[in-house]
Amino acid sequence: MSGLGIMVLTLLLLVFMVTSHQDSGEKQATRRNAVNIGWRRSIIRRTTEECHEYCEDQNKNCCGLTDGEPRCAGMCLG
């Protein structure tokens, strides 16, 4: 009986360790993704500001970036 009890306790401990390790990995991935999203937003915001300034000099509207270059037009479609 004690051999069976030890096996059950060992199995429970193993399951607990595996599930707790999986949870911490998901939390780390979520935090990492949140940091990356914030970083991308700041870059996008900076490029759109540069695009608006560039097109404003030509008296046109910024329609986004194409291959990293500002795309300016009188009226943006799509």
N, C-alpha and C. Protein backbone atom coordinates (compact mmCIF):
# COMPACT_ATOMS: atom_id res chain seq x y z
N MET A 1 0.82 -1.19 0.00
CA MET A 1 0.00 0.00 0.00
C MET A 1 0.87 1.26 0.00
N SER A 2 1.95 1.25 0.76
CA SER A 2 2.78 2.45 0.82
C SER A 2 3.50 2.68 -0.51
N GLY A 3 3.84 1.61 -1.23
CA GLY A 3 4.47 1.76 -2.54
C GLY A 3 3.52 2.42 -3.53
N LEU A 4 2.26 2.04 -3.47
CA LEU A 4 1.25 2.64 -4.33
C LEU A 4 1.02 4.10 -3.96
N GLY A 5 1.02 4.40 -2.66
CA GLY A 5 0.85 5.78 -2.19
C GLY A 5 1.99 6.67 -2.66
N ILE A 6 3.21 6.16 -2.60
CA ILE A 6 4.37 6.93 -3.05
C ILE A 6 4.28 7.19 -4.55
N MET A 7 3.85 6.18 -5.31
CA MET A 7 3.71 6.36 -6.76
C MET A 7 2.65 7.41 -7.09
N VAL A 8 1.55 7.40 -6.37
CA VAL A 8 0.48 8.38 -6.61
C VAL A 8 0.96 9.77 -6.26
N LEU A 9 1.63 9.92 -5.12
CA LEU A 9 2.16 11.24 -4.73
C LEU A 9 3.18 11.75 -5.74
N THR A 10 4.04 10.86 -6.22
CA THR A 10 5.04 11.25 -7.22
C THR A 10 4.36 11.71 -8.51
N LEU A 11 3.34 10.98 -8.92
CA LEU A 11 2.61 11.35 -10.13
C LEU A 11 1.92 12.70 -9.97
N LEU A 12 1.30 12.94 -8.83
CA LEU A 12 0.65 14.23 -8.58
C LEU A 12 1.67 15.37 -8.59
N LEU A 13 2.82 15.14 -7.99
CA LEU A 13 3.87 16.16 -7.97
C LEU A 13 4.36 16.45 -9.38
N LEU A 14 4.52 15.41 -10.18
CA LEU A 14 4.97 15.59 -11.56
C LEU A 14 3.95 16.39 -12.36
N VAL A 15 2.68 16.07 -12.24
CA VAL A 15 1.63 16.79 -12.96
C VAL A 15 1.61 18.25 -12.53
N PHE A 16 1.73 18.50 -11.24
CA PHE A 16 1.74 19.87 -10.73
C PHE A 16 2.92 20.66 -11.31
N MET A 17 4.10 20.05 -11.35
CA MET A 17 5.28 20.74 -11.86
C MET A 17 5.13 21.06 -13.35
N VAL A 18 4.60 20.15 -14.12
CA VAL A 18 4.45 20.36 -15.56
C VAL A 18 3.44 21.47 -15.84
N THR A 19 2.30 21.44 -15.15
CA THR A 19 1.27 22.45 -15.41
C THR A 19 1.71 23.83 -14.94
N SER A 20 2.42 23.92 -13.84
CA SER A 20 2.87 25.24 -13.37
C SER A 20 3.93 25.80 -14.32
N HIS A 21 4.75 24.96 -14.89
CA HIS A 21 5.77 25.42 -15.85
C HIS A 21 5.11 25.93 -17.13
N GLN A 22 4.06 25.27 -17.59
CA GLN A 22 3.37 25.71 -18.81
C GLN A 22 2.72 27.07 -18.60
N ASP A 23 2.12 27.30 -17.45
CA ASP A 23 1.47 28.58 -17.17
C ASP A 23 2.47 29.73 -17.20
N SER A 24 3.64 29.53 -16.62
CA SER A 24 4.62 30.62 -16.58
C SER A 24 5.10 30.96 -17.99
N GLY A 25 5.21 29.98 -18.86
CA GLY A 25 5.62 30.25 -20.24
C GLY A 25 4.60 31.07 -20.98
N GLU A 26 3.31 30.80 -20.75
CA GLU A 26 2.26 31.58 -21.41
C GLU A 26 2.27 33.02 -20.92
N LYS A 27 2.49 33.21 -19.63
CA LYS A 27 2.53 34.56 -19.08
C LYS A 27 3.71 35.34 -19.66
N GLN A 28 4.86 34.67 -19.79
CA GLN A 28 6.02 35.35 -20.36
C GLN A 28 5.77 35.73 -21.81
N ALA A 29 5.15 34.84 -22.57
CA ALA A 29 4.87 35.13 -23.97
C ALA A 29 3.91 36.30 -24.09
N THR A 30 2.92 36.36 -23.21
CA THR A 30 1.96 37.46 -23.24
C THR A 30 2.66 38.78 -22.94
N ARG A 31 3.52 38.79 -21.94
CA ARG A 31 4.25 40.02 -21.62
C ARG A 31 5.16 40.43 -22.77
N ARG A 32 5.84 39.47 -23.37
CA ARG A 32 6.75 39.76 -24.48
C ARG A 32 5.98 40.34 -25.66
N ASN A 33 4.82 39.77 -25.97
CA ASN A 33 4.01 40.29 -27.07
C ASN A 33 3.53 41.70 -26.78
N ALA A 34 3.17 41.99 -25.54
CA ALA A 34 2.72 43.34 -25.18
C ALA A 34 3.84 44.35 -25.39
N VAL A 35 5.06 43.98 -25.04
CA VAL A 35 6.20 44.88 -25.23
C VAL A 35 6.44 45.11 -26.72
N ASN A 36 6.38 44.05 -27.52
CA ASN A 36 6.62 44.19 -28.96
C ASN A 36 5.55 45.04 -29.63
N ILE A 37 4.31 44.90 -29.22
CA ILE A 37 3.24 45.70 -29.81
C ILE A 37 3.45 47.17 -29.51
N GLY A 38 3.82 47.50 -28.28
CA GLY A 38 4.08 48.89 -27.92
C GLY A 38 5.21 49.47 -28.74
N TRP A 39 6.24 48.69 -28.97
CA TRP A 39 7.40 49.14 -29.74
C TRP A 39 6.99 49.39 -31.19
N ARG A 40 6.18 48.50 -31.78
CA ARG A 40 5.75 48.68 -33.16
C ARG A 40 4.87 49.90 -33.32
N ARG A 41 4.01 50.17 -32.36
CA ARG A 41 3.14 51.33 -32.45
C ARG A 41 3.94 52.62 -32.52
N SER A 42 5.01 52.71 -31.73
CA SER A 42 5.80 53.93 -31.74
C SER A 42 6.49 54.12 -33.08
N ILE A 43 6.94 53.03 -33.70
CA ILE A 43 7.59 53.14 -35.01
C ILE A 43 6.56 53.54 -36.06
N ILE A 44 5.38 52.93 -36.03
CA ILE A 44 4.34 53.27 -37.00
C ILE A 44 3.95 54.73 -36.85
N ARG A 45 3.79 55.18 -35.62
CA ARG A 45 3.40 56.57 -35.38
C ARG A 45 4.46 57.51 -35.94
N ARG A 46 5.74 57.19 -35.73
CA ARG A 46 6.82 58.05 -36.21
C ARG A 46 6.83 58.10 -37.74
N THR A 47 6.64 56.96 -38.40
CA THR A 47 6.67 56.95 -39.86
C THR A 47 5.48 57.69 -40.44
N THR A 48 4.31 57.59 -39.81
CA THR A 48 3.16 58.33 -40.34
C THR A 48 3.35 59.82 -40.16
N GLU A 49 3.96 60.24 -39.06
CA GLU A 49 4.23 61.67 -38.87
C GLU A 49 5.19 62.17 -39.94
N GLU A 50 6.23 61.38 -40.23
CA GLU A 50 7.18 61.76 -41.27
C GLU A 50 6.50 61.81 -42.64
N CYS A 51 5.60 60.87 -42.89
CA CYS A 51 4.88 60.84 -44.16
C CYS A 51 4.01 62.08 -44.30
N HIS A 52 3.29 62.44 -43.24
CA HIS A 52 2.44 63.63 -43.29
C HIS A 52 3.26 64.90 -43.51
N GLU A 53 4.40 64.99 -42.85
CA GLU A 53 5.26 66.17 -43.03
C GLU A 53 5.80 66.23 -44.46
N TYR A 54 6.21 65.08 -44.99
CA TYR A 54 6.76 65.02 -46.35
C TYR A 54 5.71 65.43 -47.38
N CYS A 55 4.50 64.89 -47.24
CA CYS A 55 3.44 65.19 -48.21
C CYS A 55 2.88 66.60 -48.02
N GLU A 56 2.93 67.10 -46.80
CA GLU A 56 2.44 68.45 -46.53
C GLU A 56 3.27 69.48 -47.31
N ASP A 57 4.57 69.22 -47.46
CA ASP A 57 5.43 70.12 -48.22
C ASP A 57 5.00 70.18 -49.69
N GLN A 58 4.38 69.11 -50.18
CA GLN A 58 3.93 69.05 -51.58
C GLN A 58 2.45 69.41 -51.70
N ASN A 59 1.84 69.85 -50.61
CA ASN A 59 0.41 70.18 -50.57
C ASN A 59 -0.46 68.99 -50.98
N LYS A 60 -0.09 67.79 -50.51
CA LYS A 60 -0.85 66.58 -50.79
C LYS A 60 -1.10 65.83 -49.48
N ASN A 61 -1.91 64.79 -49.56
CA ASN A 61 -2.20 63.96 -48.40
C ASN A 61 -1.30 62.73 -48.38
N CYS A 62 -0.95 62.30 -47.19
CA CYS A 62 -0.17 61.07 -47.04
C CYS A 62 -1.13 59.88 -47.16
N CYS A 63 -0.85 58.99 -48.09
CA CYS A 63 -1.69 57.80 -48.29
C CYS A 63 -1.02 56.54 -47.78
N GLY A 64 0.05 56.68 -47.03
CA GLY A 64 0.76 55.53 -46.47
C GLY A 64 2.14 55.40 -47.05
N LEU A 65 2.77 54.27 -46.74
CA LEU A 65 4.13 54.02 -47.21
C LEU A 65 4.12 52.87 -48.21
N THR A 66 4.89 53.01 -49.27
CA THR A 66 5.09 51.94 -50.24
C THR A 66 6.58 51.68 -50.32
N ASP A 67 6.98 50.47 -49.94
CA ASP A 67 8.40 50.10 -49.90
C ASP A 67 9.21 51.09 -49.07
N GLY A 68 8.64 51.57 -47.99
CA GLY A 68 9.33 52.49 -47.09
C GLY A 68 9.31 53.93 -47.53
N GLU A 69 8.76 54.22 -48.69
CA GLU A 69 8.69 55.59 -49.20
C GLU A 69 7.28 56.14 -49.03
N PRO A 70 7.15 57.41 -48.64
CA PRO A 70 5.82 58.00 -48.49
C PRO A 70 5.08 58.05 -49.83
N ARG A 71 3.79 57.74 -49.80
CA ARG A 71 2.95 57.80 -50.99
C ARG A 71 2.00 58.99 -50.82
N CYS A 72 2.16 60.01 -51.63
CA CYS A 72 1.37 61.24 -51.52
C CYS A 72 0.41 61.35 -52.69
N ALA A 73 -0.79 61.86 -52.42
CA ALA A 73 -1.77 62.07 -53.49
C ALA A 73 -2.73 63.16 -53.04
N GLY A 74 -3.43 63.73 -54.02
CA GLY A 74 -4.44 64.74 -53.71
C GLY A 74 -5.57 64.15 -52.89
N MET A 75 -5.97 62.89 -53.24
CA MET A 75 -7.01 62.20 -52.50
C MET A 75 -6.64 60.72 -52.43
N CYS A 76 -6.66 60.16 -51.24
CA CYS A 76 -6.28 58.76 -51.05
C CYS A 76 -7.48 57.86 -51.31
N LEU A 77 -7.27 56.83 -52.10
CA LEU A 77 -8.31 55.84 -52.37
C LEU A 77 -7.89 54.51 -51.76
N GLY A 78 -8.76 53.94 -50.93
CA GLY A 78 -8.49 52.64 -50.31
C GLY A 78 -7.47 52.74 -49.30
